Amino acid sequence: MSSVTDELGAGAPVVPLGMPLVGGAHGRVQGAGTEGLAEAETDDRSAKLAAVRAGDIGSVHSWELVTAVDGPGTRMTVFLSGCPLRCLYCHNPDTMEMRRGTDVRADEILAKVKRYRGVMKATKGGLTISGGEPLMQPAYVRRLLRGAKAMDVHTAIDTSGYLGAQCTDEMLDDIDLVLLDVKSGDPETYKRATGRELEPTLQFGRRLAARGDTEIWVRFVLVPGLTDDEANVELVAQYVASLGESVTRVEVLPFHQMGRDKWEELGMRYELEDTQPPSPELVERVRGQFRSRGLQVF
């Protein structure tokens, strides 16, 4: 199976980065795959590329139906392929490149949303678009968000914010909740952990807060020896507190090794082989740093 996103021409609604795509999905080790979703098929290459540019086709890694994991209530979480970051602790490295995904029509995803709409509404859940990095495929995300809101379904995106500039005001109008991954407060630590710059994430969070109508849940992955420095955590907590009432929840996510085998399977060097999960005492210290800023922490 080949992905249409392998050969996109100029103007395609996918963000070109000119580097190997290695990224930072941080949820469960794997979703439900693409079982139950038909792969997009078309004999005309130009028609397929046009469909990608229009957001009708996207590269999907997996999907699953879960409760209280990627937002409130029962949610259909769709994991898109492709990410601009090189997170050392990524435990879903198979979401790093769009070419590893399956080409799925937006209508296929929205048909699933419609199928589960009843349970979503009953539990105050909805649709979450995750990754990888969903904003690698902004046209596809825009199409999914608009379709979900047309069904009166709660929507969320799980993003690092690094590509926040790709999220238009029109898209934000269709987003109820942003799960914002703030991976570090210190720029040098952020670059070491992800291979990218911190500032775009900070700018996106400020933009969301300035709007005032988009709820934010901040996620921070606690990695001993990488992101756990007290001064680094303090910078994250200070920034998050500055976003004001838009932030209703902070999740401190302890590092784990559940994705280690995937790196080996993909032939990639895993640099955190000897890193241990944080101790309960360290987790509590970090959570306390966020609580001291008046933030609700989990």
C-alpha atoms as a PDB file:
ATOM      1  CA  MET A   1       0.000   0.000   0.000  1.00  0.00           C
ATOM      2  CA  SER A   2       1.389   3.415  -0.920  1.00  0.00           C
ATOM      3  CA  SER A   3       0.293   6.698   0.530  1.00  0.00           C
ATOM      4  CA  VAL A   4      -0.851   9.532  -1.673  1.00  0.00           C
ATOM      5  CA  THR A   5       1.038  11.896   0.603  1.00  0.00           C
ATOM      6  CA  ASP A   6       4.342  10.471  -0.610  1.00  0.00           C
ATOM      7  CA  GLU A   7       4.185  12.459  -3.848  1.00  0.00           C
ATOM      8  CA  LEU A   8       2.403  15.715  -3.133  1.00  0.00           C
ATOM      9  CA  GLY A   9       3.080  18.590  -5.426  1.00  0.00           C
ATOM     10  CA  ALA A  10       3.233  22.280  -4.643  1.00  0.00           C
ATOM     11  CA  GLY A  11       0.139  23.682  -2.994  1.00  0.00           C
ATOM     12  CA  ALA A  12      -0.855  20.477  -1.260  1.00  0.00           C
ATOM     13  CA  PRO A  13      -2.477  20.982   2.164  1.00  0.00           C
ATOM     14  CA  VAL A  14       0.358  19.185   3.944  1.00  0.00           C
ATOM     15  CA  VAL A  15       3.242  20.991   5.616  1.00  0.00           C
ATOM     16  CA  PRO A  16       6.611  20.264   3.896  1.00  0.00           C
ATOM     17  CA  LEU A  17       9.532  20.284   6.317  1.00  0.00           C
ATOM     18  CA  GLY A  18      12.528  19.111   4.320  1.00  0.00           C
ATOM     19  CA  MET A  19      13.683  16.676   7.006  1.00  0.00           C
ATOM     20  CA  PRO A  20      12.976  13.156   8.221  1.00  0.00           C
ATOM     21  CA  LEU A  21       9.700  13.268  10.106  1.00  0.00           C
ATOM     22  CA  VAL A  22      10.073  11.968  13.621  1.00  0.00           C
ATOM     23  CA  GLY A  23       7.475  12.807  16.144  1.00  0.00           C
ATOM     24  CA  GLY A  24       5.955  12.796  19.564  1.00  0.00           C
ATOM     25  CA  ALA A  25       2.615  11.092  19.924  1.00  0.00           C
ATOM     26  CA  HIS A  26       2.281  10.323  23.614  1.00  0.00           C
ATOM     27  CA  GLY A  27      -0.966   8.439  24.064  1.00  0.00           C
ATOM     28  CA  ARG A  28      -1.472   4.692  24.129  1.00  0.00           C
ATOM     29  CA  VAL A  29       1.040   2.472  22.381  1.00  0.00           C
ATOM     30  CA  GLN A  30      -1.348   1.733  19.541  1.00  0.00           C
ATOM     31  CA  GLY A  31      -4.885   2.433  18.510  1.00  0.00           C
ATOM     32  CA  ALA A  32      -7.285   0.134  16.741  1.00  0.00           C
ATOM     33  CA  GLY A  33      -5.400   0.432  13.459  1.00  0.00           C
ATOM     34  CA  THR A  34      -7.511   1.375  10.468  1.00  0.00           C
ATOM     35  CA  GLU A  35      -9.823  -1.607  10.783  1.00  0.00           C
ATOM     36  CA  GLY A  36     -13.318  -0.610   9.708  1.00  0.00           C
ATOM     37  CA  LEU A  37     -12.051   2.209   7.489  1.00  0.00           C
ATOM     38  CA  ALA A  38     -11.892   1.709   3.741  1.00  0.00           C
ATOM     39  CA  GLU A  39      -8.667   2.774   2.046  1.00  0.00           C
ATOM     40  CA  ALA A  40      -9.214   5.540  -0.474  1.00  0.00           C
ATOM     41  CA  GLU A  41      -8.955   4.247  -4.025  1.00  0.00           C
ATOM     42  CA  THR A  42      -8.780   6.174  -7.263  1.00  0.00           C
ATOM     43  CA  ASP A  43      -7.127   5.284 -10.558  1.00  0.00           C
ATOM     44  CA  ASP A  44      -6.406   8.883 -11.468  1.00  0.00           C
ATOM     45  CA  ARG A  45      -3.306  10.223  -9.708  1.00  0.00           C
ATOM     46  CA  SER A  46      -4.202  13.855 -10.398  1.00  0.00           C
ATOM     47  CA  ALA A  47      -7.676  13.289  -8.978  1.00  0.00           C
ATOM     48  CA  LYS A  48      -6.150  11.748  -5.855  1.00  0.00           C
ATOM     49  CA  LEU A  49      -3.807  14.697  -5.377  1.00  0.00           C
ATOM     50  CA  ALA A  50      -6.698  17.104  -5.836  1.00  0.00           C
ATOM     51  CA  ALA A  51      -8.641  15.194  -3.176  1.00  0.00           C
ATOM     52  CA  VAL A  52      -5.705  15.497  -0.770  1.00  0.00           C
ATOM     53  CA  ARG A  53      -5.406  19.226  -1.414  1.00  0.00           C
ATOM     54  CA  ALA A  54      -9.126  19.631  -0.755  1.00  0.00           C
ATOM     55  CA  GLY A  55      -8.862  17.710   2.507  1.00  0.00           C
ATOM     56  CA  ASP A  56     -11.025  14.842   1.264  1.00  0.00           C
ATOM     57  CA  ILE A  57      -8.204  12.291   1.709  1.00  0.00           C
ATOM     58  CA  GLY A  58      -5.661  12.090   4.531  1.00  0.00           C
ATOM     59  CA  SER A  59      -2.993   9.761   5.872  1.00  0.00           C
ATOM     60  CA  VAL A  60      -4.387   7.941   8.919  1.00  0.00           C
ATOM     61  CA  HIS A  61      -2.380   5.809  11.339  1.00  0.00           C
ATOM     62  CA  SER A  62      -5.228   4.420  13.449  1.00  0.00           C
ATOM     63  CA  TRP A  63      -8.403   5.194  15.348  1.00  0.00           C
ATOM     64  CA  GLU A  64     -10.064   4.030  18.534  1.00  0.00           C
ATOM     65  CA  LEU A  65     -13.034   4.632  20.780  1.00  0.00           C
ATOM     66  CA  VAL A  66     -11.959   5.451  24.342  1.00  0.00           C
ATOM     67  CA  THR A  67     -13.349   7.104  27.458  1.00  0.00           C
ATOM     68  CA  ALA A  68     -11.786  10.063  29.290  1.00  0.00           C
ATOM     69  CA  VAL A  69      -8.359   9.771  27.658  1.00  0.00           C
ATOM     70  CA  ASP A  70      -8.119  12.355  24.872  1.00  0.00           C
ATOM     71  CA  GLY A  71     -10.710  14.755  26.223  1.00  0.00           C
ATOM     72  CA  PRO A  72     -13.955  14.433  28.180  1.00  0.00           C
ATOM     73  CA  GLY A  73     -16.464  11.614  27.770  1.00  0.00           C
ATOM     74  CA  THR A  74     -16.356   8.807  25.242  1.00  0.00           C
ATOM     75  CA  ARG A  75     -14.292   9.900  22.275  1.00  0.00           C
ATOM     76  CA  MET A  76     -13.407   8.702  18.843  1.00  0.00           C
ATOM     77  CA  THR A  77      -9.706   9.492  18.575  1.00  0.00           C
ATOM     78  CA  VAL A  78      -8.198   9.548  15.091  1.00  0.00           C
ATOM     79  CA  PHE A  79      -4.404   9.365  14.893  1.00  0.00           C
ATOM     80  CA  LEU A  80      -2.993  10.973  11.760  1.00  0.00           C
ATOM     81  CA  SER A  81       0.441  10.145  10.366  1.00  0.00           C
ATOM     82  CA  GLY A  82       3.316  12.614  10.180  1.00  0.00           C
ATOM     83  CA  CYS A  83       4.988  14.887  12.737  1.00  0.00           C
ATOM     84  CA  PRO A  84       7.614  17.661  12.521  1.00  0.00           C
ATOM     85  CA  LEU A  85       9.218  16.869  15.888  1.00  0.00           C
ATOM     86  CA  ARG A  86      11.975  14.390  16.792  1.00  0.00           C
ATOM     87  CA  CYS A  87      10.886  13.582  20.337  1.00  0.00           C
ATOM     88  CA  LEU A  88      13.421  11.303  22.010  1.00  0.00           C
ATOM     89  CA  TYR A  89      10.665   9.716  24.099  1.00  0.00           C
ATOM     90  CA  CYS A  90       8.128   9.185  21.309  1.00  0.00           C
ATOM     91  CA  HIS A  91       6.433   5.859  21.957  1.00  0.00           C
ATOM     92  CA  ASN A  92       4.505   5.833  18.691  1.00  0.00           C
ATOM     93  CA  PRO A  93       7.406   6.213  16.215  1.00  0.00           C
ATOM     94  CA  ASP A  94       5.276   4.507  13.566  1.00  0.00           C
ATOM     95  CA  THR A  95       3.317   7.766  13.345  1.00  0.00           C
ATOM     96  CA  MET A  96       6.432   9.711  12.408  1.00  0.00           C
ATOM     97  CA  GLU A  97       6.059   9.638   8.633  1.00  0.00           C
ATOM     98  CA  MET A  98       2.917  10.114   6.564  1.00  0.00           C
ATOM     99  CA  ARG A  99       4.019   7.403   4.161  1.00  0.00           C
ATOM    100  CA  ARG A 100       3.404   4.821   6.881  1.00  0.00           C
ATOM    101  CA  GLY A 101      -0.261   5.774   7.119  1.00  0.00           C
ATOM    102  CA  THR A 102      -3.311   4.618   5.182  1.00  0.00           C
ATOM    103  CA  ASP A 103      -5.092   6.979   2.787  1.00  0.00           C
ATOM    104  CA  VAL A 104      -8.608   7.371   4.157  1.00  0.00           C
ATOM    105  CA  ARG A 105     -11.380   9.616   2.920  1.00  0.00           C
ATOM    106  CA  ALA A 106     -12.733  12.179   5.357  1.00  0.00           C
ATOM    107  CA  ASP A 107     -16.231  10.869   4.698  1.00  0.00           C
ATOM    108  CA  GLU A 108     -15.141   7.471   6.076  1.00  0.00           C
ATOM    109  CA  ILE A 109     -14.091   9.074   9.353  1.00  0.00           C
ATOM    110  CA  LEU A 110     -17.215  11.201   9.535  1.00  0.00           C
ATOM    111  CA  ALA A 111     -19.402   8.137   8.942  1.00  0.00           C
ATOM    112  CA  LYS A 112     -17.826   6.616  12.060  1.00  0.00           C
ATOM    113  CA  VAL A 113     -18.457   9.829  13.980  1.00  0.00           C
ATOM    114  CA  LYS A 114     -22.099   9.674  12.945  1.00  0.00           C
ATOM    115  CA  ARG A 115     -22.313   6.040  14.010  1.00  0.00           C
ATOM    116  CA  TYR A 116     -21.021   6.793  17.514  1.00  0.00           C
ATOM    117  CA  ARG A 117     -22.622  10.214  17.849  1.00  0.00           C
ATOM    118  CA  GLY A 118     -25.271   8.912  20.254  1.00  0.00           C
ATOM    119  CA  VAL A 119     -22.815   7.568  22.826  1.00  0.00           C
ATOM    120  CA  MET A 120     -20.629  10.641  22.412  1.00  0.00           C
ATOM    121  CA  LYS A 121     -23.530  12.951  23.145  1.00  0.00           C
ATOM    122  CA  ALA A 122     -24.715  10.824  26.074  1.00  0.00           C
ATOM    123  CA  THR A 123     -21.279  10.937  27.727  1.00  0.00           C
ATOM    124  CA  LYS A 124     -20.423  14.514  26.690  1.00  0.00           C
ATOM    125  CA  GLY A 125     -17.625  13.130  24.542  1.00  0.00           C
ATOM    126  CA  GLY A 126     -16.738  13.769  20.923  1.00  0.00           C
ATOM    127  CA  LEU A 127     -14.030  13.587  18.256  1.00  0.00           C
ATOM    128  CA  THR A 128     -10.320  14.083  18.972  1.00  0.00           C
ATOM    129  CA  ILE A 129      -7.807  14.424  16.138  1.00  0.00           C
ATOM    130  CA  SER A 130      -4.348  13.384  17.250  1.00  0.00           C
ATOM    131  CA  GLY A 131      -1.173  12.024  15.697  1.00  0.00           C
ATOM    132  CA  GLY A 132       1.636  12.260  14.972  1.00  0.00           C
ATOM    133  CA  GLU A 133       0.817  15.915  14.535  1.00  0.00           C
ATOM    134  CA  PRO A 134      -2.627  16.663  13.096  1.00  0.00           C
ATOM    135  CA  LEU A 135      -1.605  20.083  11.804  1.00  0.00           C
ATOM    136  CA  MET A 136       0.719  18.364   9.317  1.00  0.00           C
ATOM    137  CA  GLN A 137      -2.505  17.830   7.342  1.00  0.00           C
ATOM    138  CA  PRO A 138      -4.486  21.037   7.956  1.00  0.00           C
ATOM    139  CA  ALA A 139      -6.941  20.697   5.028  1.00  0.00           C
ATOM    140  CA  TYR A 140      -7.938  17.193   6.163  1.00  0.00           C
ATOM    141  CA  VAL A 141      -8.266  18.316   9.778  1.00  0.00           C
ATOM    142  CA  ARG A 142     -10.377  21.288   8.695  1.00  0.00           C
ATOM    143  CA  ARG A 143     -12.693  18.946   6.780  1.00  0.00           C
ATOM    144  CA  LEU A 144     -13.081  16.587   9.768  1.00  0.00           C
ATOM    145  CA  LEU A 145     -13.709  19.415  12.218  1.00  0.00           C
ATOM    146  CA  ARG A 146     -16.332  21.068  10.021  1.00  0.00           C
ATOM    147  CA  GLY A 147     -18.092  17.749   9.463  1.00  0.00           C
ATOM    148  CA  ALA A 148     -18.137  16.929  13.161  1.00  0.00           C
ATOM    149  CA  LYS A 149     -19.454  20.346  14.168  1.00  0.00           C
ATOM    150  CA  ALA A 150     -22.179  20.031  11.529  1.00  0.00           C
ATOM    151  CA  MET A 151     -23.319  16.997  13.570  1.00  0.00           C
ATOM    152  CA  ASP A 152     -23.067  19.017  16.799  1.00  0.00           C
ATOM    153  CA  VAL A 153     -20.190  16.844  18.047  1.00  0.00           C
ATOM    154  CA  HIS A 154     -17.613  18.180  20.523  1.00  0.00           C
ATOM    155  CA  THR A 155     -14.183  18.489  18.876  1.00  0.00           C
ATOM    156  CA  ALA A 156     -10.585  18.463  20.093  1.00  0.00           C
ATOM    157  CA  ILE A 157      -7.123  18.406  18.571  1.00  0.00           C
ATOM    158  CA  ASP A 158      -4.025  17.025  20.283  1.00  0.00           C
ATOM    159  CA  THR A 159      -1.063  19.087  19.093  1.00  0.00           C
ATOM    160  CA  SER A 160       2.434  20.207  20.010  1.00  0.00           C
ATOM    161  CA  GLY A 161       1.499  23.653  18.737  1.00  0.00           C
ATOM    162  CA  TYR A 162       4.676  23.756  16.647  1.00  0.00           C
ATOM    163  CA  LEU A 163       2.572  24.099  13.500  1.00  0.00           C
ATOM    164  CA  GLY A 164      -0.007  26.330  15.137  1.00  0.00           C
ATOM    165  CA  ALA A 165       0.315  28.847  12.308  1.00  0.00           C
ATOM    166  CA  GLN A 166      -1.338  26.220  10.073  1.00  0.00           C
ATOM    167  CA  CYS A 167      -4.444  26.310  12.272  1.00  0.00           C
ATOM    168  CA  THR A 168      -6.588  29.091  10.803  1.00  0.00           C
ATOM    169  CA  ASP A 169      -9.126  31.124  12.726  1.00  0.00           C
ATOM    170  CA  GLU A 170     -11.784  29.282  10.739  1.00  0.00           C
ATOM    171  CA  MET A 171     -10.473  25.977  12.079  1.00  0.00           C
ATOM    172  CA  LEU A 172     -10.343  27.328  15.621  1.00  0.00           C
ATOM    173  CA  ASP A 173     -14.003  28.269  15.304  1.00  0.00           C
ATOM    174  CA  ASP A 174     -14.678  24.523  14.951  1.00  0.00           C
ATOM    175  CA  ILE A 175     -12.428  23.413  17.846  1.00  0.00           C
ATOM    176  CA  ASP A 176     -13.846  23.175  21.354  1.00  0.00           C
ATOM    177  CA  LEU A 177     -10.723  21.872  23.108  1.00  0.00           C
ATOM    178  CA  VAL A 178      -6.990  21.939  22.401  1.00  0.00           C
ATOM    179  CA  LEU A 179      -4.790  19.353  24.097  1.00  0.00           C
ATOM    180  CA  LEU A 180      -1.560  21.351  24.005  1.00  0.00           C
ATOM    181  CA  ASP A 181       1.672  19.415  24.522  1.00  0.00           C
ATOM    182  CA  VAL A 182       4.143  21.757  26.192  1.00  0.00           C
ATOM    183  CA  LYS A 183       7.226  19.579  26.187  1.00  0.00           C
ATOM    184  CA  SER A 184       9.626  21.964  27.920  1.00  0.00           C
ATOM    185  CA  GLY A 185       9.852  25.509  29.209  1.00  0.00           C
ATOM    186  CA  ASP A 186      13.539  25.958  28.478  1.00  0.00           C
ATOM    187  CA  PRO A 187      14.322  26.428  24.759  1.00  0.00           C
ATOM    188  CA  GLU A 188      17.540  24.401  24.877  1.00  0.00           C
ATOM    189  CA  THR A 189      15.831  21.502  26.660  1.00  0.00           C
ATOM    190  CA  TYR A 190      13.005  21.653  24.150  1.00  0.00           C
ATOM    191  CA  LYS A 191      15.447  21.463  21.253  1.00  0.00           C
ATOM    192  CA  ARG A 192      17.295  18.556  22.833  1.00  0.00           C
ATOM    193  CA  ALA A 193      14.039  16.676  23.422  1.00  0.00           C
ATOM    194  CA  THR A 194      12.365  17.398  20.070  1.00  0.00           C
ATOM    195  CA  GLY A 195      14.937  18.736  17.606  1.00  0.00           C
ATOM    196  CA  ARG A 196      12.816  21.853  17.120  1.00  0.00           C
ATOM    197  CA  GLU A 197      12.251  25.329  18.574  1.00  0.00           C
ATOM    198  CA  LEU A 198       9.973  26.081  21.518  1.00  0.00           C
ATOM    199  CA  GLU A 199       8.662  29.500  20.463  1.00  0.00           C
ATOM    200  CA  PRO A 200       5.961  28.343  17.975  1.00  0.00           C
ATOM    201  CA  THR A 201       4.294  26.335  20.755  1.00  0.00           C
ATOM    202  CA  LEU A 202       4.352  29.332  23.086  1.00  0.00           C
ATOM    203  CA  GLN A 203       2.890  31.575  20.405  1.00  0.00           C
ATOM    204  CA  PHE A 204       0.078  29.149  19.637  1.00  0.00           C
ATOM    205  CA  GLY A 205      -0.880  28.868  23.296  1.00  0.00           C
ATOM    206  CA  ARG A 206      -0.956  32.657  23.639  1.00  0.00           C
ATOM    207  CA  ARG A 207      -3.099  32.909  20.537  1.00  0.00           C
ATOM    208  CA  LEU A 208      -5.592  30.418  21.967  1.00  0.00           C
ATOM    209  CA  ALA A 209      -5.721  32.261  25.281  1.00  0.00           C
ATOM    210  CA  ALA A 210      -6.238  35.606  23.537  1.00  0.00           C
ATOM    211  CA  ARG A 211      -9.283  34.202  21.751  1.00  0.00           C
ATOM    212  CA  GLY A 212     -10.776  33.224  25.089  1.00  0.00           C
ATOM    213  CA  ASP A 213     -13.298  30.784  23.621  1.00  0.00           C
ATOM    214  CA  THR A 214     -11.129  27.667  23.232  1.00  0.00           C
ATOM    215  CA  GLU A 215     -10.583  25.418  26.237  1.00  0.00           C
ATOM    216  CA  ILE A 216      -6.996  24.224  26.765  1.00  0.00           C
ATOM    217  CA  TRP A 217      -5.710  21.108  28.476  1.00  0.00           C
ATOM    218  CA  VAL A 218      -1.933  21.229  28.825  1.00  0.00           C
ATOM    219  CA  ARG A 219       0.073  18.011  28.691  1.00  0.00           C
ATOM    220  CA  PHE A 220       3.622  17.727  29.998  1.00  0.00           C
ATOM    221  CA  VAL A 221       5.656  14.531  29.640  1.00  0.00           C
ATOM    222  CA  LEU A 222       7.951  14.034  32.627  1.00  0.00           C
ATOM    223  CA  VAL A 223      11.187  12.358  31.534  1.00  0.00           C
ATOM    224  CA  PRO A 224      13.903  11.866  34.171  1.00  0.00           C
ATOM    225  CA  GLY A 225      17.172  13.428  33.063  1.00  0.00           C
ATOM    226  CA  LEU A 226      15.494  15.284  30.203  1.00  0.00           C
ATOM    227  CA  THR A 227      12.479  17.391  31.217  1.00  0.00           C
ATOM    228  CA  ASP A 228      12.448  16.953  35.005  1.00  0.00           C
ATOM    229  CA  ASP A 229      14.797  19.782  35.984  1.00  0.00           C
ATOM    230  CA  GLU A 230      13.041  21.921  38.569  1.00  0.00           C
ATOM    231  CA  ALA A 231      13.839  25.169  36.753  1.00  0.00           C
ATOM    232  CA  ASN A 232      12.545  23.760  33.469  1.00  0.00           C
ATOM    233  CA  VAL A 233       9.277  22.660  35.058  1.00  0.00           C
ATOM    234  CA  GLU A 234       8.952  26.066  36.707  1.00  0.00           C
ATOM    235  CA  LEU A 235       9.200  27.734  33.307  1.00  0.00           C
ATOM    236  CA  VAL A 236       6.442  25.479  31.957  1.00  0.00           C
ATOM    237  CA  ALA A 237       4.221  26.169  34.978  1.00  0.00           C
ATOM    238  CA  GLN A 238       4.810  29.924  34.708  1.00  0.00           C
ATOM    239  CA  TYR A 239       3.876  29.885  31.029  1.00  0.00           C
ATOM    240  CA  VAL A 240       0.777  27.769  31.529  1.00  0.00           C
ATOM    241  CA  ALA A 241      -0.436  30.000  34.353  1.00  0.00           C
ATOM    242  CA  SER A 242       0.015  33.025  32.084  1.00  0.00           C
ATOM    243  CA  LEU A 243      -2.602  31.590  29.711  1.00  0.00           C
ATOM    244  CA  GLY A 244      -5.250  32.296  32.341  1.00  0.00           C
ATOM    245  CA  GLU A 245      -8.678  30.750  32.577  1.00  0.00           C
ATOM    246  CA  SER A 246      -8.447  29.109  29.155  1.00  0.00           C
ATOM    247  CA  VAL A 247      -6.382  26.355  30.801  1.00  0.00           C
ATOM    248  CA  THR A 248      -8.734  24.127  32.768  1.00  0.00           C
ATOM    249  CA  ARG A 249      -6.478  21.105  33.259  1.00  0.00           C
ATOM    250  CA  VAL A 250      -2.791  20.145  33.374  1.00  0.00           C
ATOM    251  CA  GLU A 251      -1.783  16.522  32.843  1.00  0.00           C
ATOM    252  CA  VAL A 252       1.650  15.420  34.025  1.00  0.00           C
ATOM    253  CA  LEU A 253       2.374  12.276  32.013  1.00  0.00           C
ATOM    254  CA  PRO A 254       5.130  10.055  33.464  1.00  0.00           C
ATOM    255  CA  PHE A 255       7.610   8.696  30.927  1.00  0.00           C
ATOM    256  CA  HIS A 256       7.444   4.955  30.217  1.00  0.00           C
ATOM    257  CA  GLN A 257       9.236   2.434  28.027  1.00  0.00           C
ATOM    258  CA  MET A 258       6.220   0.804  26.345  1.00  0.00           C
ATOM    259  CA  GLY A 259       7.195   2.036  22.894  1.00  0.00           C
ATOM    260  CA  ARG A 260      10.864   1.026  23.029  1.00  0.00           C
ATOM    261  CA  ASP A 261      10.480  -2.083  20.863  1.00  0.00           C
ATOM    262  CA  LYS A 262       8.915  -0.047  18.051  1.00  0.00           C
ATOM    263  CA  TRP A 263      12.098   1.952  17.593  1.00  0.00           C
ATOM    264  CA  GLU A 264      14.068  -1.257  17.099  1.00  0.00           C
ATOM    265  CA  GLU A 265      11.462  -2.668  14.726  1.00  0.00           C
ATOM    266  CA  LEU A 266      11.736   0.492  12.616  1.00  0.00           C
ATOM    267  CA  GLY A 267      15.535   0.355  12.594  1.00  0.00           C
ATOM    268  CA  MET A 268      15.838   3.597  14.555  1.00  0.00           C
ATOM    269  CA  ARG A 269      18.250   4.442  17.365  1.00  0.00           C
ATOM    270  CA  TYR A 270      16.487   4.869  20.705  1.00  0.00           C
ATOM    271  CA  GLU A 271      18.447   7.195  22.992  1.00  0.00           C
ATOM    272  CA  LEU A 272      16.477   6.646  26.208  1.00  0.00           C
ATOM    273  CA  GLU A 273      17.170   2.923  26.548  1.00  0.00           C
ATOM    274  CA  ASP A 274      18.449   3.328  30.107  1.00  0.00           C
ATOM    275  CA  THR A 275      15.985   5.969  31.276  1.00  0.00           C
ATOM    276  CA  GLN A 276      13.704   4.793  34.070  1.00  0.00           C
ATOM    277  CA  PRO A 277      10.139   6.004  34.683  1.00  0.00           C
ATOM    278  CA  PRO A 278       9.952   8.838  37.225  1.00  0.00           C
ATOM    279  CA  SER A 279       9.506   7.918  40.857  1.00  0.00           C
ATOM    280  CA  PRO A 280       6.199   8.734  42.589  1.00  0.00           C
ATOM    281  CA  GLU A 281       8.071  11.364  44.589  1.00  0.00           C
ATOM    282  CA  LEU A 282       9.316  13.091  41.433  1.00  0.00           C
ATOM    283  CA  VAL A 283       5.876  13.002  39.852  1.00  0.00           C
ATOM    284  CA  GLU A 284       4.364  14.563  42.948  1.00  0.00           C
ATOM    285  CA  ARG A 285       7.066  17.262  43.087  1.00  0.00           C
ATOM    286  CA  VAL A 286       6.336  18.261  39.498  1.00  0.00           C
ATOM    287  CA  ARG A 287       2.586  18.211  39.997  1.00  0.00           C
ATOM    288  CA  GLY A 288       3.112  20.367  43.061  1.00  0.00           C
ATOM    289  CA  GLN A 289       4.974  22.943  40.984  1.00  0.00           C
ATOM    290  CA  PHE A 290       1.937  23.298  38.726  1.00  0.00           C
ATOM    291  CA  ARG A 291      -0.500  23.335  41.657  1.00  0.00           C
ATOM    292  CA  SER A 292       1.472  26.153  43.284  1.00  0.00           C
ATOM    293  CA  ARG A 293       0.407  28.291  40.320  1.00  0.00           C
ATOM    294  CA  GLY A 294      -3.257  27.616  41.039  1.00  0.00           C
ATOM    295  CA  LEU A 295      -3.604  25.081  38.208  1.00  0.00           C
ATOM    296  CA  GLN A 296      -5.806  21.970  38.309  1.00  0.00           C
ATOM    297  CA  VAL A 297      -3.402  19.070  37.921  1.00  0.00           C
ATOM    298  CA  PHE A 298      -3.837  15.381  37.107  1.00  0.00           C
END
